[in-house]
Structures are given as C-alpha cells and as structure tokens.
N, C-alpha and C. Protein backbone atom coordinates (compact mmCIF):
# COMPACT_ATOMS: atom_id res chain seq x y z
N MET A 1 88.77 204.88 168.78
CA MET A 1 87.64 204.04 169.86
C MET A 1 87.60 202.57 169.09
N GLN A 2 87.59 201.66 169.90
CA GLN A 2 87.27 200.19 169.61
C GLN A 2 85.89 200.09 169.31
N LEU A 3 85.58 198.82 168.36
CA LEU A 3 84.27 198.45 168.43
C LEU A 3 83.63 197.98 169.76
N GLY A 4 82.67 198.75 169.87
CA GLY A 4 81.66 198.50 171.06
C GLY A 4 82.18 199.27 172.15
N ASP A 5 82.99 200.07 172.28
CA ASP A 5 83.56 200.80 173.49
C ASP A 5 82.00 201.78 174.00
N TRP A 6 81.43 202.38 173.08
CA TRP A 6 80.54 203.42 173.63
C TRP A 6 79.14 202.17 174.20
N THR A 7 79.17 201.19 173.15
CA THR A 7 77.72 200.50 173.62
C THR A 7 78.10 199.59 174.90
N THR A 8 79.42 199.15 174.86
CA THR A 8 79.84 198.60 176.08
C THR A 8 79.52 199.58 177.45
N ARG A 9 79.99 200.64 177.35
CA ARG A 9 79.82 201.69 178.56
C ARG A 9 78.43 201.84 178.75
N ARG A 10 77.72 202.19 177.58
CA ARG A 10 76.29 202.40 177.99
C ARG A 10 75.61 201.39 178.74
N LEU A 11 75.75 199.99 178.11
CA LEU A 11 75.15 198.99 178.66
C LEU A 11 75.44 198.64 180.02
N SER A 12 76.75 198.78 180.47
CA SER A 12 77.22 198.57 181.45
C SER A 12 76.85 199.65 182.65
N ASN A 13 76.62 200.83 182.15
CA ASN A 13 75.93 201.67 183.11
C ASN A 13 74.56 201.39 183.28
N GLN A 14 73.93 200.98 182.28
CA GLN A 14 72.45 200.63 182.77
C GLN A 14 72.03 199.49 183.78
N LEU A 15 73.05 198.24 183.58
CA LEU A 15 73.15 197.15 184.27
C LEU A 15 73.66 197.50 185.71
N LEU A 16 74.59 198.70 185.70
CA LEU A 16 75.03 198.88 187.26
C LEU A 16 73.61 199.78 187.84
N ALA A 17 73.10 200.77 187.17
CA ALA A 17 71.92 201.61 187.59
C ALA A 17 70.66 200.67 188.04
N ALA A 18 70.69 199.61 187.15
CA ALA A 18 69.31 198.64 187.48
C ALA A 18 69.78 197.88 188.72
N GLY A 19 70.82 197.75 189.33
CA GLY A 19 71.12 196.96 190.62
C GLY A 19 70.59 198.00 191.48
N THR A 20 70.43 199.27 191.48
CA THR A 20 70.04 199.95 192.71
C THR A 20 68.68 200.68 192.47
N SER A 21 68.14 200.08 191.25
CA SER A 21 66.71 200.70 191.15
C SER A 21 65.70 199.45 190.73
N ILE A 22 65.67 198.36 191.07
CA ILE A 22 64.82 197.08 190.90
C ILE A 22 63.77 197.48 191.54
N GLY A 23 62.39 197.50 191.05
CA GLY A 23 61.18 198.03 191.66
C GLY A 23 60.49 196.75 191.83
N ALA A 24 59.47 197.18 192.44
CA ALA A 24 58.42 196.22 193.07
C ALA A 24 57.66 195.12 191.88
N ASN A 25 57.42 195.95 190.85
CA ASN A 25 56.85 195.15 189.91
C ASN A 25 57.55 193.94 189.29
N LEU A 26 59.15 194.37 189.08
CA LEU A 26 59.96 193.24 188.72
C LEU A 26 60.28 192.16 189.91
N ALA A 27 60.25 192.49 191.04
CA ALA A 27 60.67 191.58 191.99
C ALA A 27 59.33 190.81 192.04
N GLU A 28 58.08 191.33 191.92
CA GLU A 28 56.71 190.59 192.23
C GLU A 28 56.70 189.64 190.88
N ALA A 29 57.08 190.06 189.59
CA ALA A 29 56.97 189.43 188.52
C ALA A 29 57.87 188.21 188.44
N ALA A 30 58.76 188.32 189.09
CA ALA A 30 59.85 187.28 188.93
C ALA A 30 59.81 186.12 189.87
N SER A 31 59.18 186.61 190.96
CA SER A 31 58.27 185.53 192.05
C SER A 31 57.40 184.80 191.44
N GLY A 32 56.50 185.45 190.74
CA GLY A 32 55.38 184.79 190.16
C GLY A 32 55.86 184.08 189.08
N GLN A 33 56.90 184.18 188.30
CA GLN A 33 57.30 183.32 187.25
C GLN A 33 58.31 182.42 187.81
N THR A 34 58.75 182.65 188.66
CA THR A 34 59.89 181.79 189.44
C THR A 34 58.85 180.55 190.08
N ARG A 35 57.77 180.86 190.72
CA ARG A 35 56.87 180.07 191.06
C ARG A 35 56.17 179.05 190.21
N ALA A 36 55.58 179.69 189.09
CA ALA A 36 55.24 179.11 188.27
C ALA A 36 56.06 178.23 187.26
N ASP A 37 57.32 178.46 187.01
CA ASP A 37 58.17 177.58 186.43
C ASP A 37 58.54 176.37 187.36
N PHE A 38 58.91 176.48 188.76
CA PHE A 38 58.98 175.61 189.89
C PHE A 38 57.67 174.50 189.82
N ILE A 39 56.53 174.95 189.95
CA ILE A 39 55.20 174.12 189.89
C ILE A 39 55.21 173.50 188.69
N ARG A 40 55.33 174.07 187.40
CA ARG A 40 55.25 173.47 185.98
C ARG A 40 56.20 172.42 186.08
N GLY A 41 57.57 172.47 186.46
CA GLY A 41 58.48 171.34 186.35
C GLY A 41 58.20 170.18 187.35
N LEU A 42 57.23 170.38 188.09
CA LEU A 42 56.82 169.12 188.91
C LEU A 42 55.44 168.36 188.19
N GLU A 43 55.11 168.72 187.15
CA GLU A 43 53.81 168.34 186.55
C GLU A 43 54.18 166.88 185.86
N SER A 44 55.32 166.65 185.55
CA SER A 44 55.70 165.14 184.96
C SER A 44 56.22 164.46 185.94
N ASN A 45 56.31 162.92 185.74
CA ASN A 45 57.14 162.20 186.58
C ASN A 45 58.39 162.51 186.73
N SER A 46 59.03 162.47 185.66
CA SER A 46 60.54 162.91 185.34
C SER A 46 60.89 164.39 186.21
N GLY A 47 59.92 165.15 186.10
CA GLY A 47 60.56 166.51 186.49
C GLY A 47 60.32 166.44 188.24
N LEU A 48 59.38 165.78 188.59
CA LEU A 48 59.18 165.28 189.76
C LEU A 48 60.23 164.80 190.47
N ALA A 49 60.64 163.58 190.00
CA ALA A 49 61.71 162.62 190.39
C ALA A 49 62.97 163.38 190.52
N ALA A 50 63.40 164.31 189.42
CA ALA A 50 64.44 165.11 189.12
C ALA A 50 64.48 166.23 190.49
N ALA A 51 63.19 166.85 190.88
CA ALA A 51 63.26 167.45 192.03
C ALA A 51 63.61 167.14 193.33
N LEU A 52 62.89 166.05 193.56
CA LEU A 52 62.94 165.28 194.55
C LEU A 52 64.20 164.60 194.71
N ALA A 53 65.26 164.20 193.69
CA ALA A 53 66.47 163.76 194.15
C ALA A 53 67.20 165.14 194.17
N ASP A 54 67.01 166.11 193.53
CA ASP A 54 68.03 167.34 193.70
C ASP A 54 67.82 167.90 195.11
N PHE A 55 66.78 167.86 195.78
CA PHE A 55 66.43 168.41 197.18
C PHE A 55 66.91 167.36 198.11
N GLU A 56 66.95 166.21 197.74
CA GLU A 56 67.50 165.12 198.89
C GLU A 56 68.97 165.11 198.88
N THR A 57 69.54 165.38 197.59
CA THR A 57 71.19 165.46 197.56
C THR A 57 71.86 166.91 197.87
N LEU A 58 71.02 167.94 197.49
CA LEU A 58 71.94 169.07 197.55
C LEU A 58 71.07 170.03 198.56
N ARG A 59 70.01 169.86 199.10
CA ARG A 59 68.85 170.89 199.72
C ARG A 59 68.35 170.38 201.02
N GLY A 60 69.31 169.36 201.57
CA GLY A 60 68.92 168.76 202.93
C GLY A 60 67.57 168.02 203.12
N GLY A 61 67.16 167.34 202.08
CA GLY A 61 66.27 166.45 202.22
C GLY A 61 65.02 166.69 201.43
N TRP A 62 64.31 165.57 200.88
CA TRP A 62 63.23 165.63 199.75
C TRP A 62 62.02 166.64 200.29
N GLU A 63 61.94 166.55 201.63
CA GLU A 63 61.03 167.32 202.62
C GLU A 63 60.92 168.70 202.03
N LYS A 64 61.65 169.33 202.10
CA LYS A 64 61.94 170.59 201.71
C LYS A 64 61.46 170.85 200.32
N LEU A 65 61.40 170.12 199.53
CA LEU A 65 60.52 170.59 198.22
C LEU A 65 59.45 171.02 198.38
N PHE A 66 58.69 170.55 199.34
CA PHE A 66 57.33 171.12 199.50
C PHE A 66 57.18 172.38 200.54
N GLU A 67 58.40 173.06 200.88
CA GLU A 67 58.74 174.31 201.30
C GLU A 67 58.92 175.55 200.55
N GLU A 68 59.08 174.82 199.52
CA GLU A 68 60.15 175.80 198.27
C GLU A 68 59.01 176.88 197.77
N VAL A 69 57.92 176.76 197.69
CA VAL A 69 56.86 177.68 197.02
C VAL A 69 56.81 178.72 198.12
N GLY A 70 56.56 178.27 199.14
CA GLY A 70 56.70 179.74 200.40
C GLY A 70 57.93 180.05 200.49
N ARG A 71 58.95 179.59 200.24
CA ARG A 71 60.21 180.31 200.40
C ARG A 71 60.51 181.09 198.96
N ILE A 72 59.84 181.01 198.05
CA ILE A 72 59.98 181.64 196.73
C ILE A 72 59.25 182.88 197.16
N GLN A 73 57.95 182.72 197.35
CA GLN A 73 56.99 183.76 197.88
C GLN A 73 57.43 184.55 198.90
N ALA A 74 58.34 184.35 199.71
CA ALA A 74 58.77 185.11 200.80
C ALA A 74 59.87 186.30 200.37
N VAL A 75 60.34 186.07 199.25
CA VAL A 75 61.50 187.09 198.83
C VAL A 75 60.69 188.52 198.85
N THR A 76 61.67 189.30 199.29
CA THR A 76 61.02 190.67 199.00
C THR A 76 61.71 191.35 198.19
N ARG A 77 60.91 192.74 197.97
CA ARG A 77 61.49 193.69 196.93
C ARG A 77 63.01 193.97 197.51
N GLU A 78 63.01 194.09 198.91
CA GLU A 78 64.21 194.81 199.40
C GLU A 78 65.57 193.62 199.20
N GLN A 79 65.28 192.57 199.36
CA GLN A 79 66.04 191.40 199.21
C GLN A 79 66.62 191.45 197.63
N VAL A 80 65.82 191.38 196.64
CA VAL A 80 66.20 191.48 195.39
C VAL A 80 67.13 192.64 195.09
N GLN A 81 66.60 193.85 195.52
CA GLN A 81 67.59 195.04 195.48
C GLN A 81 69.12 194.74 196.14
N ALA A 82 68.81 194.06 197.23
CA ALA A 82 70.37 194.11 197.68
C ALA A 82 71.00 193.18 197.17
N ALA A 83 70.57 191.83 196.70
CA ALA A 83 71.37 191.03 195.94
C ALA A 83 71.82 191.59 194.59
N ALA A 84 70.87 192.51 194.04
CA ALA A 84 71.43 193.47 192.78
C ALA A 84 72.65 194.04 193.31
N ARG A 85 72.11 195.06 194.03
CA ARG A 85 73.49 195.87 194.26
C ARG A 85 74.87 194.85 194.51
N THR A 86 74.79 193.96 195.32
CA THR A 86 75.70 193.29 195.41
C THR A 86 76.22 192.50 194.31
N TYR A 87 75.82 191.94 193.51
CA TYR A 87 76.20 191.03 192.52
C TYR A 87 76.26 191.95 190.98
N LEU A 88 75.43 192.79 190.88
CA LEU A 88 75.65 193.62 189.52
C LEU A 88 76.62 194.62 189.62
N THR A 89 77.79 194.54 189.71
CA THR A 89 78.70 195.61 189.80
C THR A 89 79.90 195.32 188.77
N LYS A 90 80.60 196.51 188.53
CA LYS A 90 81.56 196.50 187.36
C LYS A 90 82.79 195.21 187.60
N ASP A 91 82.89 195.05 188.71
CA ASP A 91 83.93 194.04 189.24
C ASP A 91 83.43 192.52 188.92
N ASN A 92 81.88 192.26 188.97
CA ASN A 92 81.25 190.93 188.63
C ASN A 92 81.12 191.10 187.11
N ALA A 93 81.32 192.08 186.33
CA ALA A 93 80.80 191.75 184.82
C ALA A 93 81.53 191.14 184.13
N THR A 94 81.00 190.70 183.13
CA THR A 94 81.74 189.84 181.92
C THR A 94 80.86 190.34 180.78
N ILE A 95 81.88 190.84 179.94
CA ILE A 95 81.20 191.25 178.69
C ILE A 95 81.73 190.50 177.48
N GLY A 96 81.10 189.98 176.58
CA GLY A 96 81.41 189.21 175.36
C GLY A 96 81.24 189.65 174.21
N TYR A 97 81.79 189.62 172.81
CA TYR A 97 81.39 190.39 171.80
C TYR A 97 81.34 188.98 170.97
N MET A 98 80.51 188.90 169.89
CA MET A 98 80.24 188.07 169.02
C MET A 98 80.78 188.71 167.42
N LEU A 99 81.62 188.26 167.09
CA LEU A 99 82.19 188.93 165.97
C LEU A 99 81.79 188.32 164.53
N THR A 100 81.13 188.61 163.55
CA THR A 100 81.22 188.11 162.15
C THR A 100 82.02 188.28 161.38
N GLU A 101 82.32 187.72 160.20
CA GLU A 101 83.40 187.81 159.26
C GLU A 101 83.27 189.35 158.78
N GLY A 102 81.99 190.08 158.75
CA GLY A 102 82.24 191.19 158.00
C GLY A 102 82.72 192.23 159.40
N ASN A 103 82.62 192.23 160.58
CA ASN A 103 83.20 193.12 161.28
C ASN A 103 84.21 192.60 162.25
N LYS A 104 84.65 191.52 161.64
CA LYS A 104 86.10 191.07 162.43
C LYS A 104 87.51 191.97 162.23
N GLU A 105 87.50 192.74 160.70
CA GLU A 105 88.67 193.71 160.77
C GLU A 105 88.46 194.68 161.78
N THR A 106 87.28 195.25 161.59
CA THR A 106 87.11 196.75 162.35
C THR A 106 87.27 196.24 163.88
N ALA A 107 86.93 195.08 164.61
CA ALA A 107 87.32 195.00 165.67
C ALA A 107 88.73 194.57 166.22
N GLU A 108 89.63 194.37 165.07
CA GLU A 108 91.09 194.14 165.35
C GLU A 108 91.81 195.55 165.48
N ARG A 109 91.15 196.70 164.78
CA ARG A 109 91.92 197.81 165.01
C ARG A 109 92.07 198.65 166.21
C-alpha cells in the first residue's frame, strides 16, 4: 500500500458522501457567511470600487451589485445539494500530497 492510499480513499468517500447529504444548517450558514463577507467587502472605498468595477465588467452592469444580497439569500438547500452532487464527484476530484524530507522515501515506494 502506498503512502496515503487508505487516507485518500477515506477522505474521498467522505467528500462524495457530503455531496449527497449537505443539510439545511450548512446551506443557511454558508448563505449568511457569504452575505456577511459580501457586505463587509463594500465597507471600504477600495472594496466598493472593486465591486462596482467587477459587476460592470463581468456581471452585466454596476446596478446588479445592489441585487446581489437578494440573490445570495435566494439560494436554497436543494440548490446547494444539487450543485454538490454535480461537482463533488470522483471525476472532478484532485488530490495532492505534501511531502516532507522525512516521508519522501516512504512515498517513493
């Protein structure tokens, strides 16, 4: 067995299972945190300027900036679960290893 095989399989299985069982608390917490982060980013002049420029160039106009909080709050638990099922799959997984000098020889076996 190579370094990390068991751990990799276990973590992969947990992530894939999470894609089908993301609950209401997670969706509500993520929505609240996302909303708070978005609003906090607008508190400074530079943050507001960056957001206005982003919405103007990438999202269809600076006016849409003022609709964003409503869009964040409109995301449902079912939408989060559907996105997780779609994107948290084995085919989309990328697994990396951080090796130190101490475990480098073990990894090469």
